[in-house]
Structures are given as C-alpha cells and as structure tokens.
Amino acid sequence: STVYLQMNNLKPEDTAVYYCAAREVAFNWIVVVTVSGYHYWGQGT
C-alpha cells in the first residue's frame, strides 16, 4: 500500500514540501496530473 518517489541528482530548485495524493479511479490506465484531480492528501514532507 505504498508509492515511492526516487529522486536522484537533486538540485537546489527541488527544495519544497512534497505531498502525496490519492484518488480512486475507475480504470487501470488513468494517471491523474492535476491538484484538483485528487481527493486525498498527506501532510507533506
């Protein structure tokens, strides 16, 4: 029940709070790319 983000060759411009988001979708191929497209959010890291 885990998703990962492997970040290599990090740059100063990558500095930010990173948030994970989840949304139940009907189809296996869907990738959601907008903030408004997600229903559930973490607190950020």
ModelCIF file with pLDDT and N, C-alpha, C, O atoms, coordinates in Angstrom:
data_MODEL
#
_entry.id   MODEL 
#
_entity.id                         1 
_entity.type                       polymer 
_entity.pdbx_number_of_molecules   1 
#
_entity_poly.entity_id                      1 
_entity_poly.type                           'polypeptide(L)' 
_entity_poly.nstd_linkage                   no 
_entity_poly.nstd_monomer                   no 
_entity_poly.pdbx_seq_one_letter_code       STVYLQMNNLKPEDTAVYYCAAREVAFNWIVVVTVSGYHYWGQGT 
_entity_poly.pdbx_seq_one_letter_code_can   STVYLQMNNLKPEDTAVYYCAAREVAFNWIVVVTVSGYHYWGQGT 
_entity_poly.pdbx_strand_id                 A 
#
loop_
_entity_poly_seq.entity_id 
_entity_poly_seq.num 
_entity_poly_seq.mon_id 
_entity_poly_seq.hetero 
1 1  SER n 
1 2  THR n 
1 3  VAL n 
1 4  TYR n 
1 5  LEU n 
1 6  GLN n 
1 7  MET n 
1 8  ASN n 
1 9  ASN n 
1 10 LEU n 
1 11 LYS n 
1 12 PRO n 
1 13 GLU n 
1 14 ASP n 
1 15 THR n 
1 16 ALA n 
1 17 VAL n 
1 18 TYR n 
1 19 TYR n 
1 20 CYS n 
1 21 ALA n 
1 22 ALA n 
1 23 ARG n 
1 24 GLU n 
1 25 VAL n 
1 26 ALA n 
1 27 PHE n 
1 28 ASN n 
1 29 TRP n 
1 30 ILE n 
1 31 VAL n 
1 32 VAL n 
1 33 VAL n 
1 34 THR n 
1 35 VAL n 
1 36 SER n 
1 37 GLY n 
1 38 TYR n 
1 39 HIS n 
1 40 TYR n 
1 41 TRP n 
1 42 GLY n 
1 43 GLN n 
1 44 GLY n 
1 45 THR n 
#
_struct_asym.id          A 
_struct_asym.entity_id   1 
#
loop_
_ma_qa_metric.id 
_ma_qa_metric.mode 
_ma_qa_metric.name 
_ma_qa_metric.software_group_id 
_ma_qa_metric.type 
1 global pLDDT . pLDDT 
2 local  pLDDT . pLDDT 
#
_ma_qa_metric_global.metric_id      1 
_ma_qa_metric_global.metric_value   96.09 
_ma_qa_metric_global.model_id       1 
_ma_qa_metric_global.ordinal_id     1 
#
loop_
_ma_qa_metric_local.label_asym_id 
_ma_qa_metric_local.label_comp_id 
_ma_qa_metric_local.label_seq_id 
_ma_qa_metric_local.metric_id 
_ma_qa_metric_local.metric_value 
_ma_qa_metric_local.model_id 
_ma_qa_metric_local.ordinal_id 
A SER 1  2 97.00 1 1  
A THR 2  2 98.00 1 2  
A VAL 3  2 98.00 1 3  
A TYR 4  2 98.00 1 4  
A LEU 5  2 98.00 1 5  
A GLN 6  2 98.00 1 6  
A MET 7  2 98.00 1 7  
A ASN 8  2 98.00 1 8  
A ASN 9  2 98.00 1 9  
A LEU 10 2 98.00 1 10 
A LYS 11 2 98.00 1 11 
A PRO 12 2 97.00 1 12 
A GLU 13 2 97.00 1 13 
A ASP 14 2 98.00 1 14 
A THR 15 2 98.00 1 15 
A ALA 16 2 98.00 1 16 
A VAL 17 2 98.00 1 17 
A TYR 18 2 98.00 1 18 
A TYR 19 2 98.00 1 19 
A CYS 20 2 98.00 1 20 
A ALA 21 2 98.00 1 21 
A ALA 22 2 98.00 1 22 
A ARG 23 2 96.00 1 23 
A GLU 24 2 94.00 1 24 
A VAL 25 2 92.00 1 25 
A ALA 26 2 87.00 1 26 
A PHE 27 2 89.00 1 27 
A ASN 28 2 86.00 1 28 
A TRP 29 2 86.00 1 29 
A ILE 30 2 93.00 1 30 
A VAL 31 2 95.00 1 31 
A VAL 32 2 94.00 1 32 
A VAL 33 2 96.00 1 33 
A THR 34 2 96.00 1 34 
A VAL 35 2 96.00 1 35 
A SER 36 2 96.00 1 36 
A GLY 37 2 95.00 1 37 
A TYR 38 2 97.00 1 38 
A HIS 39 2 96.00 1 39 
A TYR 40 2 98.00 1 40 
A TRP 41 2 98.00 1 41 
A GLY 42 2 98.00 1 42 
A GLN 43 2 97.00 1 43 
A GLY 44 2 98.00 1 44 
A THR 45 2 98.00 1 45 
#
loop_
_atom_site.group_PDB 
_atom_site.id 
_atom_site.type_symbol 
_atom_site.label_atom_id 
_atom_site.label_alt_id 
_atom_site.label_comp_id 
_atom_site.label_asym_id 
_atom_site.label_entity_id 
_atom_site.label_seq_id 
_atom_site.pdbx_PDB_ins_code 
_atom_site.Cartn_x 
_atom_site.Cartn_y 
_atom_site.Cartn_z 
_atom_site.occupancy 
_atom_site.B_iso_or_equiv 
_atom_site.pdbx_formal_charge 
_atom_site.auth_seq_id 
_atom_site.auth_comp_id 
_atom_site.auth_asym_id 
_atom_site.auth_atom_id 
_atom_site.pdbx_PDB_model_num 
ATOM 1   N N  . SER A 1 1  ? 0.823   -1.215 0.000   1.00 97.00 ? 1  SER A N  1 
ATOM 2   C CA . SER A 1 1  ? 0.000   0.000  0.000   1.00 97.00 ? 1  SER A CA 1 
ATOM 3   C C  . SER A 1 1  ? 0.856   1.262  0.000   1.00 97.00 ? 1  SER A C  1 
ATOM 4   O O  . SER A 1 1  ? 0.546   2.242  0.678   1.00 97.00 ? 1  SER A O  1 
ATOM 5   N N  . THR A 1 2  ? 1.917   1.218  -0.761  1.00 98.00 ? 2  THR A N  1 
ATOM 6   C CA . THR A 1 2  ? 2.916   2.288  -0.721  1.00 98.00 ? 2  THR A CA 1 
ATOM 7   C C  . THR A 1 2  ? 3.315   2.724  -2.129  1.00 98.00 ? 2  THR A C  1 
ATOM 8   O O  . THR A 1 2  ? 3.469   1.904  -3.035  1.00 98.00 ? 2  THR A O  1 
ATOM 9   N N  . VAL A 1 3  ? 3.476   4.026  -2.283  1.00 98.00 ? 3  VAL A N  1 
ATOM 10  C CA . VAL A 1 3  ? 4.021   4.596  -3.502  1.00 98.00 ? 3  VAL A CA 1 
ATOM 11  C C  . VAL A 1 3  ? 5.331   5.294  -3.150  1.00 98.00 ? 3  VAL A C  1 
ATOM 12  O O  . VAL A 1 3  ? 5.478   5.848  -2.061  1.00 98.00 ? 3  VAL A O  1 
ATOM 13  N N  . TYR A 1 4  ? 6.265   5.259  -4.071  1.00 98.00 ? 4  TYR A N  1 
ATOM 14  C CA . TYR A 1 4  ? 7.597   5.807  -3.836  1.00 98.00 ? 4  TYR A CA 1 
ATOM 15  C C  . TYR A 1 4  ? 7.925   6.886  -4.864  1.00 98.00 ? 4  TYR A C  1 
ATOM 16  O O  . TYR A 1 4  ? 7.395   6.902  -5.975  1.00 98.00 ? 4  TYR A O  1 
ATOM 17  N N  . LEU A 1 5  ? 8.805   7.776  -4.459  1.00 98.00 ? 5  LEU A N  1 
ATOM 18  C CA . LEU A 1 5  ? 9.381   8.742  -5.387  1.00 98.00 ? 5  LEU A CA 1 
ATOM 19  C C  . LEU A 1 5  ? 10.886  8.699  -5.193  1.00 98.00 ? 5  LEU A C  1 
ATOM 20  O O  . LEU A 1 5  ? 11.407  9.222  -4.209  1.00 98.00 ? 5  LEU A O  1 
ATOM 21  N N  . GLN A 1 6  ? 11.576  8.081  -6.124  1.00 98.00 ? 6  GLN A N  1 
ATOM 22  C CA . GLN A 1 6  ? 13.029  8.044  -6.092  1.00 98.00 ? 6  GLN A CA 1 
ATOM 23  C C  . GLN A 1 6  ? 13.556  9.308  -6.764  1.00 98.00 ? 6  GLN A C  1 
ATOM 24  O O  . GLN A 1 6  ? 13.278  9.562  -7.936  1.00 98.00 ? 6  GLN A O  1 
ATOM 25  N N  . MET A 1 7  ? 14.308  10.085 -6.019  1.00 98.00 ? 7  MET A N  1 
ATOM 26  C CA . MET A 1 7  ? 14.813  11.358 -6.520  1.00 98.00 ? 7  MET A CA 1 
ATOM 27  C C  . MET A 1 7  ? 16.337  11.303 -6.585  1.00 98.00 ? 7  MET A C  1 
ATOM 28  O O  . MET A 1 7  ? 17.009  11.194 -5.559  1.00 98.00 ? 7  MET A O  1 
ATOM 29  N N  . ASN A 1 8  ? 16.862  11.378 -7.777  1.00 98.00 ? 8  ASN A N  1 
ATOM 30  C CA . ASN A 1 8  ? 18.309  11.353 -7.988  1.00 98.00 ? 8  ASN A CA 1 
ATOM 31  C C  . ASN A 1 8  ? 18.790  12.699 -8.511  1.00 98.00 ? 8  ASN A C  1 
ATOM 32  O O  . ASN A 1 8  ? 18.011  13.491 -9.042  1.00 98.00 ? 8  ASN A O  1 
ATOM 33  N N  . ASN A 1 9  ? 20.085  12.943 -8.352  1.00 98.00 ? 9  ASN A N  1 
ATOM 34  C CA . ASN A 1 9  ? 20.698  14.175 -8.837  1.00 98.00 ? 9  ASN A CA 1 
ATOM 35  C C  . ASN A 1 9  ? 19.879  15.402 -8.420  1.00 98.00 ? 9  ASN A C  1 
ATOM 36  O O  . ASN A 1 9  ? 19.508  16.237 -9.245  1.00 98.00 ? 9  ASN A O  1 
ATOM 37  N N  . LEU A 1 10 ? 19.617  15.480 -7.142  1.00 98.00 ? 10 LEU A N  1 
ATOM 38  C CA . LEU A 1 10 ? 18.789  16.572 -6.638  1.00 98.00 ? 10 LEU A CA 1 
ATOM 39  C C  . LEU A 1 10 ? 19.465  17.924 -6.837  1.00 98.00 ? 10 LEU A C  1 
ATOM 40  O O  . LEU A 1 10 ? 20.687  18.050 -6.758  1.00 98.00 ? 10 LEU A O  1 
ATOM 41  N N  . LYS A 1 11 ? 18.634  18.928 -7.097  1.00 98.00 ? 11 LYS A N  1 
ATOM 42  C CA . LYS A 1 11 ? 19.097  20.285 -7.335  1.00 98.00 ? 11 LYS A CA 1 
ATOM 43  C C  . LYS A 1 11 ? 18.481  21.222 -6.299  1.00 98.00 ? 11 LYS A C  1 
ATOM 44  O O  . LYS A 1 11 ? 17.434  20.909 -5.733  1.00 98.00 ? 11 LYS A O  1 
ATOM 45  N N  . PRO A 1 12 ? 19.114  22.358 -6.044  1.00 97.00 ? 12 PRO A N  1 
ATOM 46  C CA . PRO A 1 12 ? 18.527  23.302 -5.074  1.00 97.00 ? 12 PRO A CA 1 
ATOM 47  C C  . PRO A 1 12 ? 17.089  23.698 -5.441  1.00 97.00 ? 12 PRO A C  1 
ATOM 48  O O  . PRO A 1 12 ? 16.272  23.946 -4.554  1.00 97.00 ? 12 PRO A O  1 
ATOM 49  N N  . GLU A 1 13 ? 16.786  23.757 -6.712  1.00 97.00 ? 13 GLU A N  1 
ATOM 50  C CA . GLU A 1 13 ? 15.424  24.127 -7.122  1.00 97.00 ? 13 GLU A CA 1 
ATOM 51  C C  . GLU A 1 13 ? 14.392  23.032 -6.847  1.00 97.00 ? 13 GLU A C  1 
ATOM 52  O O  . GLU A 1 13 ? 13.196  23.252 -7.039  1.00 97.00 ? 13 GLU A O  1 
ATOM 53  N N  . ASP A 1 14 ? 14.834  21.870 -6.407  1.00 98.00 ? 14 ASP A N  1 
ATOM 54  C CA . ASP A 1 14 ? 13.910  20.820 -5.984  1.00 98.00 ? 14 ASP A CA 1 
ATOM 55  C C  . ASP A 1 14 ? 13.445  21.012 -4.545  1.00 98.00 ? 14 ASP A C  1 
ATOM 56  O O  . ASP A 1 14 ? 12.577  20.281 -4.069  1.00 98.00 ? 14 ASP A O  1 
ATOM 57  N N  . THR A 1 15 ? 14.012  21.979 -3.861  1.00 98.00 ? 15 THR A N  1 
ATOM 58  C CA . THR A 1 15 ? 13.623  22.256 -2.481  1.00 98.00 ? 15 THR A CA 1 
ATOM 59  C C  . THR A 1 15 ? 12.154  22.638 -2.411  1.00 98.00 ? 15 THR A C  1 
ATOM 60  O O  . THR A 1 15 ? 11.712  23.568 -3.085  1.00 98.00 ? 15 THR A O  1 
ATOM 61  N N  . ALA A 1 16 ? 11.401  21.916 -1.592  1.00 98.00 ? 16 ALA A N  1 
ATOM 62  C CA . ALA A 1 16 ? 9.965   22.142 -1.461  1.00 98.00 ? 16 ALA A CA 1 
ATOM 63  C C  . ALA A 1 16 ? 9.402   21.178 -0.423  1.00 98.00 ? 16 ALA A C  1 
ATOM 64  O O  . ALA A 1 16 ? 10.083  20.264 0.041   1.00 98.00 ? 16 ALA A O  1 
ATOM 65  N N  . VAL A 1 17 ? 8.150   21.408 -0.077  1.00 98.00 ? 17 VAL A N  1 
ATOM 66  C CA . VAL A 1 17 ? 7.393   20.403 0.657   1.00 98.00 ? 17 VAL A CA 1 
ATOM 67  C C  . VAL A 1 17 ? 6.762   19.473 -0.381  1.00 98.00 ? 17 VAL A C  1 
ATOM 68  O O  . VAL A 1 17 ? 6.090   19.925 -1.308  1.00 98.00 ? 17 VAL A O  1 
ATOM 69  N N  . TYR A 1 18 ? 6.983   18.200 -0.217  1.00 98.00 ? 18 TYR A N  1 
ATOM 70  C CA . TYR A 1 18 ? 6.468   17.207 -1.154  1.00 98.00 ? 18 TYR A CA 1 
ATOM 71  C C  . TYR A 1 18 ? 5.222   16.541 -0.566  1.00 98.00 ? 18 TYR A C  1 
ATOM 72  O O  . TYR A 1 18 ? 5.215   16.078 0.575   1.00 98.00 ? 18 TYR A O  1 
ATOM 73  N N  . TYR A 1 19 ? 4.183   16.513 -1.379  1.00 98.00 ? 19 TYR A N  1 
ATOM 74  C CA . TYR A 1 19 ? 2.906   15.958 -0.956  1.00 98.00 ? 19 TYR A CA 1 
ATOM 75  C C  . TYR A 1 19 ? 2.553   14.733 -1.785  1.00 98.00 ? 19 TYR A C  1 
ATOM 76  O O  . TYR A 1 19 ? 2.793   14.682 -2.992  1.00 98.00 ? 19 TYR A O  1 
ATOM 77  N N  . CYS A 1 20 ? 1.984   13.760 -1.114  1.00 98.00 ? 20 CYS A N  1 
ATOM 78  C CA . CYS A 1 20 ? 1.450   12.572 -1.775  1.00 98.00 ? 20 CYS A CA 1 
ATOM 79  C C  . CYS A 1 20 ? -0.067  12.713 -1.850  1.00 98.00 ? 20 CYS A C  1 
ATOM 80  O O  . CYS A 1 20 ? -0.700  13.250 -0.941  1.00 98.00 ? 20 CYS A O  1 
ATOM 81  N N  . ALA A 1 21 ? -0.635  12.225 -2.941  1.00 98.00 ? 21 ALA A N  1 
ATOM 82  C CA . ALA A 1 21 ? -2.078  12.345 -3.132  1.00 98.00 ? 21 ALA A CA 1 
ATOM 83  C C  . ALA A 1 21 ? -2.644  11.050 -3.702  1.00 98.00 ? 21 ALA A C  1 
ATOM 84  O O  . ALA A 1 21 ? -1.951  10.291 -4.380  1.00 98.00 ? 21 ALA A O  1 
ATOM 85  N N  . ALA A 1 22 ? -3.917  10.822 -3.410  1.00 98.00 ? 22 ALA A N  1 
ATOM 86  C CA . ALA A 1 22 ? -4.581  9.589  -3.845  1.00 98.00 ? 22 ALA A CA 1 
ATOM 87  C C  . ALA A 1 22 ? -5.981  9.897  -4.359  1.00 98.00 ? 22 ALA A C  1 
ATOM 88  O O  . ALA A 1 22 ? -6.646  10.831 -3.911  1.00 98.00 ? 22 ALA A O  1 
ATOM 89  N N  . ARG A 1 23 ? -6.398  9.079  -5.311  1.00 96.00 ? 23 ARG A N  1 
ATOM 90  C CA . ARG A 1 23 ? -7.770  9.203  -5.811  1.00 96.00 ? 23 ARG A CA 1 
ATOM 91  C C  . ARG A 1 23 ? -8.216  7.846  -6.328  1.00 96.00 ? 23 ARG A C  1 
ATOM 92  O O  . ARG A 1 23 ? -7.487  7.183  -7.065  1.00 96.00 ? 23 ARG A O  1 
ATOM 93  N N  . GLU A 1 24 ? -9.391  7.447  -5.948  1.00 94.00 ? 24 GLU A N  1 
ATOM 94  C CA . GLU A 1 24 ? -9.972  6.230  -6.503  1.00 94.00 ? 24 GLU A CA 1 
ATOM 95  C C  . GLU A 1 24 ? -10.416 6.521  -7.936  1.00 94.00 ? 24 GLU A C  1 
ATOM 96  O O  . GLU A 1 24 ? -11.106 7.505  -8.204  1.00 94.00 ? 24 GLU A O  1 
ATOM 97  N N  . VAL A 1 25 ? -10.006 5.647  -8.837  1.00 92.00 ? 25 VAL A N  1 
ATOM 98  C CA . VAL A 1 25 ? -10.381 5.819  -10.243 1.00 92.00 ? 25 VAL A CA 1 
ATOM 99  C C  . VAL A 1 25 ? -10.985 4.526  -10.771 1.00 92.00 ? 25 VAL A C  1 
ATOM 100 O O  . VAL A 1 25 ? -10.808 3.453  -10.195 1.00 92.00 ? 25 VAL A O  1 
ATOM 101 N N  . ALA A 1 26 ? -11.695 4.656  -11.869 1.00 87.00 ? 26 ALA A N  1 
ATOM 102 C CA . ALA A 1 26 ? -12.447 3.516  -12.396 1.00 87.00 ? 26 ALA A CA 1 
ATOM 103 C C  . ALA A 1 26 ? -11.637 2.643  -13.344 1.00 87.00 ? 26 ALA A C  1 
ATOM 104 O O  . ALA A 1 26 ? -11.949 1.468  -13.539 1.00 87.00 ? 26 ALA A O  1 
ATOM 105 N N  . PHE A 1 27 ? -10.601 3.219  -13.929 1.00 89.00 ? 27 PHE A N  1 
ATOM 106 C CA . PHE A 1 27 ? -9.869  2.497  -14.959 1.00 89.00 ? 27 PHE A CA 1 
ATOM 107 C C  . PHE A 1 27 ? -8.400  2.368  -14.621 1.00 89.00 ? 27 PHE A C  1 
ATOM 108 O O  . PHE A 1 27 ? -7.796  3.274  -14.047 1.00 89.00 ? 27 PHE A O  1 
ATOM 109 N N  . ASN A 1 28 ? -7.845  1.255  -14.976 1.00 86.00 ? 28 ASN A N  1 
ATOM 110 C CA . ASN A 1 28 ? -6.489  0.905  -14.590 1.00 86.00 ? 28 ASN A CA 1 
ATOM 111 C C  . ASN A 1 28 ? -5.440  1.824  -15.200 1.00 86.00 ? 28 ASN A C  1 
ATOM 112 O O  . ASN A 1 28 ? -4.368  1.995  -14.619 1.00 86.00 ? 28 ASN A O  1 
ATOM 113 N N  . TRP A 1 29 ? -5.721  2.420  -16.356 1.00 86.00 ? 29 TRP A N  1 
ATOM 114 C CA . TRP A 1 29 ? -4.699  3.180  -17.082 1.00 86.00 ? 29 TRP A CA 1 
ATOM 115 C C  . TRP A 1 29 ? -4.638  4.653  -16.702 1.00 86.00 ? 29 TRP A C  1 
ATOM 116 O O  . TRP A 1 29 ? -3.764  5.375  -17.180 1.00 86.00 ? 29 TRP A O  1 
ATOM 117 N N  . ILE A 1 30 ? -5.550  5.109  -15.853 1.00 93.00 ? 30 ILE A N  1 
ATOM 118 C CA . ILE A 1 30 ? -5.638  6.543  -15.559 1.00 93.00 ? 30 ILE A CA 1 
ATOM 119 C C  . ILE A 1 30 ? -4.478  7.017  -14.692 1.00 93.00 ? 30 ILE A C  1 
ATOM 120 O O  . ILE A 1 30 ? -4.170  6.420  -13.660 1.00 93.00 ? 30 ILE A O  1 
ATOM 121 N N  . VAL A 1 31 ? -3.833  8.116  -15.134 1.00 95.00 ? 31 VAL A N  1 
ATOM 122 C CA . VAL A 1 31 ? -2.834  8.833  -14.340 1.00 95.00 ? 31 VAL A CA 1 
ATOM 123 C C  . VAL A 1 31 ? -3.371  10.246 -14.135 1.00 95.00 ? 31 VAL A C  1 
ATOM 124 O O  . VAL A 1 31 ? -3.654  10.951 -15.103 1.00 95.00 ? 31 VAL A O  1 
ATOM 125 N N  . VAL A 1 32 ? -3.509  10.654 -12.898 1.00 94.00 ? 32 VAL A N  1 
ATOM 126 C CA . VAL A 1 32 ? -4.069  11.967 -12.573 1.00 94.00 ? 32 VAL A CA 1 
ATOM 127 C C  . VAL A 1 32 ? -2.922  12.961 -12.374 1.00 94.00 ? 32 VAL A C  1 
ATOM 128 O O  . VAL A 1 32 ? -1.988  12.688 -11.620 1.00 94.00 ? 32 VAL A O  1 
ATOM 129 N N  . VAL A 1 33 ? -2.990  14.105 -13.043 1.00 96.00 ? 33 VAL A N  1 
ATOM 130 C CA . VAL A 1 33 ? -1.856  15.041 -13.023 1.00 96.00 ? 33 VAL A CA 1 
ATOM 131 C C  . VAL A 1 33 ? -2.195  16.409 -12.456 1.00 96.00 ? 33 VAL A C  1 
ATOM 132 O O  . VAL A 1 33 ? -1.324  17.278 -12.410 1.00 96.00 ? 33 VAL A O  1 
ATOM 133 N N  . THR A 1 34 ? -3.426  16.631 -12.023 1.00 96.00 ? 34 THR A N  1 
ATOM 134 C CA . THR A 1 34 ? -3.804  17.947 -11.518 1.00 96.00 ? 34 THR A CA 1 
ATOM 135 C C  . THR A 1 34 ? -4.089  17.908 -10.019 1.00 96.00 ? 34 THR A C  1 
ATOM 136 O O  . THR A 1 34 ? -4.493  16.881 -9.474  1.00 96.00 ? 34 THR A O  1 
ATOM 137 N N  . VAL A 1 35 ? -3.873  19.040 -9.372  1.00 96.00 ? 35 VAL A N  1 
ATOM 138 C CA . VAL A 1 35 ? -4.165  19.142 -7.939  1.00 96.00 ? 35 VAL A CA 1 
ATOM 139 C C  . VAL A 1 35 ? -5.634  18.842 -7.683  1.00 96.00 ? 35 VAL A C  1 
ATOM 140 O O  . VAL A 1 35 ? -5.970  18.097 -6.763  1.00 96.00 ? 35 VAL A O  1 
ATOM 141 N N  . SER A 1 36 ? -6.504  19.422 -8.497  1.00 96.00 ? 36 SER A N  1 
ATOM 142 C CA . SER A 1 36 ? -7.945  19.263 -8.290  1.00 96.00 ? 36 SER A CA 1 
ATOM 143 C C  . SER A 1 36 ? -8.422  17.848 -8.576  1.00 96.00 ? 36 SER A C  1 
ATOM 144 O O  . SER A 1 36 ? -9.537  17.483 -8.203  1.00 96.00 ? 36 SER A O  1 
ATOM 145 N N  . GLY A 1 37 ? -7.593  17.050 -9.233  1.00 95.00 ? 37 GLY A N  1 
ATOM 146 C CA . GLY A 1 37 ? -7.986  15.690 -9.567  1.00 95.00 ? 37 GLY A CA 1 
ATOM 147 C C  . GLY A 1 37 ? -7.871  14.700 -8.415  1.00 95.00 ? 37 GLY A C  1 
ATOM 148 O O  . GLY A 1 37 ? -8.363  13.575 -8.502  1.00 95.00 ? 37 GLY A O  1 
ATOM 149 N N  . TYR A 1 38 ? -7.223  15.123 -7.341  1.00 97.00 ? 38 TYR A N  1 
ATOM 150 C CA . TYR A 1 38 ? -7.016  14.217 -6.208  1.00 97.00 ? 38 TYR A CA 1 
ATOM 151 C C  . TYR A 1 38 ? -7.953  14.529 -5.055  1.00 97.00 ? 38 TYR A C  1 
ATOM 152 O O  . TYR A 1 38 ? -8.303  15.683 -4.808  1.00 97.00 ? 38 TYR A O  1 
ATOM 153 N N  . HIS A 1 39 ? -8.351  13.477 -4.358  1.00 96.00 ? 39 HIS A N  1 
ATOM 154 C CA . HIS A 1 39 ? -9.302  13.621 -3.255  1.00 96.00 ? 39 HIS A CA 1 
ATOM 155 C C  . HIS A 1 39 ? -8.638  13.568 -1.877  1.00 96.00 ? 39 HIS A C  1 
ATOM 156 O O  . HIS A 1 39 ? -9.137  14.146 -0.911  1.00 96.00 ? 39 HIS A O  1 
ATOM 157 N N  . TYR A 1 40 ? -7.525  12.879 -1.804  1.00 98.00 ? 40 TYR A N  1 
ATOM 158 C CA . TYR A 1 40 ? -6.898  12.657 -0.501  1.00 98.00 ? 40 TYR A CA 1 
ATOM 159 C C  . TYR A 1 40 ? -5.442  13.090 -0.557  1.00 98.00 ? 40 TYR A C  1 
ATOM 160 O O  . TYR A 1 40 ? -4.731  12.817 -1.524  1.00 98.00 ? 40 TYR A O  1 
ATOM 161 N N  . TRP A 1 41 ? -5.011  13.779 0.513   1.00 98.00 ? 41 TRP A N  1 
ATOM 162 C CA . TRP A 1 41 ? -3.665  14.347 0.563   1.00 98.00 ? 41 TRP A CA 1 
ATOM 163 C C  . TRP A 1 41 ? -2.984  14.024 1.872   1.00 98.00 ? 41 TRP A C  1 
ATOM 164 O O  . TRP A 1 41 ? -3.624  13.917 2.918   1.00 98.00 ? 41 TRP A O  1 
ATOM 165 N N  . GLY A 1 42 ? -1.665  13.869 1.797   1.00 98.00 ? 42 GLY A N  1 
ATOM 166 C CA . GLY A 1 42 ? -0.876  13.747 3.002   1.00 98.00 ? 42 GLY A CA 1 
ATOM 167 C C  . GLY A 1 42 ? -0.512  15.100 3.558   1.00 98.00 ? 42 GLY A C  1 
ATOM 168 O O  . GLY A 1 42 ? -0.887  16.136 3.009   1.00 98.00 ? 42 GLY A O  1 
ATOM 169 N N  . GLN A 1 43 ? 0.228   15.082 4.661   1.00 97.00 ? 43 GLN A N  1 
ATOM 170 C CA . GLN A 1 43 ? 0.577   16.331 5.348   1.00 97.00 ? 43 GLN A CA 1 
ATOM 171 C C  . GLN A 1 43 ? 1.830   16.976 4.763   1.00 97.00 ? 43 GLN A C  1 
ATOM 172 O O  . GLN A 1 43 ? 2.131   18.134 5.054   1.00 97.00 ? 43 GLN A O  1 
ATOM 173 N N  . GLY A 1 44 ? 2.549   16.236 3.950   1.00 98.00 ? 44 GLY A N  1 
ATOM 174 C CA . GLY A 1 44 ? 3.746   16.762 3.304   1.00 98.00 ? 44 GLY A CA 1 
ATOM 175 C C  . GLY A 1 44 ? 5.014   16.401 4.052   1.00 98.00 ? 44 GLY A C  1 
ATOM 176 O O  . GLY A 1 44 ? 5.005   16.191 5.265   1.00 98.00 ? 44 GLY A O  1 
ATOM 177 N N  . THR A 1 45 ? 6.103   16.332 3.303   1.00 98.00 ? 45 THR A N  1 
ATOM 178 C CA . THR A 1 45 ? 7.423   16.098 3.885   1.00 98.00 ? 45 THR A CA 1 
ATOM 179 C C  . THR A 1 45 ? 8.412   17.049 3.228   1.00 98.00 ? 45 THR A C  1 
ATOM 180 O O  . THR A 1 45 ? 9.598   17.034 3.561   1.00 98.00 ? 45 THR A O  1 
#
